[in-house]
């Protein structure tokens, strides 16, 4: 798994009554589906819920092209989790325990030039890293994800038992 645009930027199609056909390029996230479903059902959000989620109906009314978008990935076979933060034309990919990646998507849409080592972009890297830490602590979340995975492996009988399974309802453990 990578957090490049081919994997992280997935089109979302929305259809229904009172939704006019058009294309919208404002960034959205899977977490936006929950408040959207609440809107469809005519239900209110519970106070204290994630403030980063935004109903797709709100996005249709007032697109926010500069919105922060977070995506994360945790897999047992991976050495570490991945956290991707998009803001404006910038993308930060944070790997706990490893060097981050920084891309200017306007100048480099194919994400071929990692700007993380370029001193001229040090402030942008720091800014995006700080924005990520406002949302979550990537090191702590990564630690908790791997603890949950260890717990699940134990509940399933351990690594050898899982590798012997014929059918999986989860990502199998790495054979390495």
Foldseek 3Di string as FASTA:
>chain_A
DDCACVPPVDDDDDDDPPDDDDDDDFDADPLQVVVQVCVVVVHDDDPPPDPLHHHVVVCVVPPDNFRWDWDKDDDQQDPWIWIWIDGRQKIWIDTVPDQIFIDRCVVCVRRPDGCSPPPVCVVVNVVRVVVVVVNHDRVVVRVVRNVVVVVVCVVCPHLVSQVPDPDDPGDHHDPD
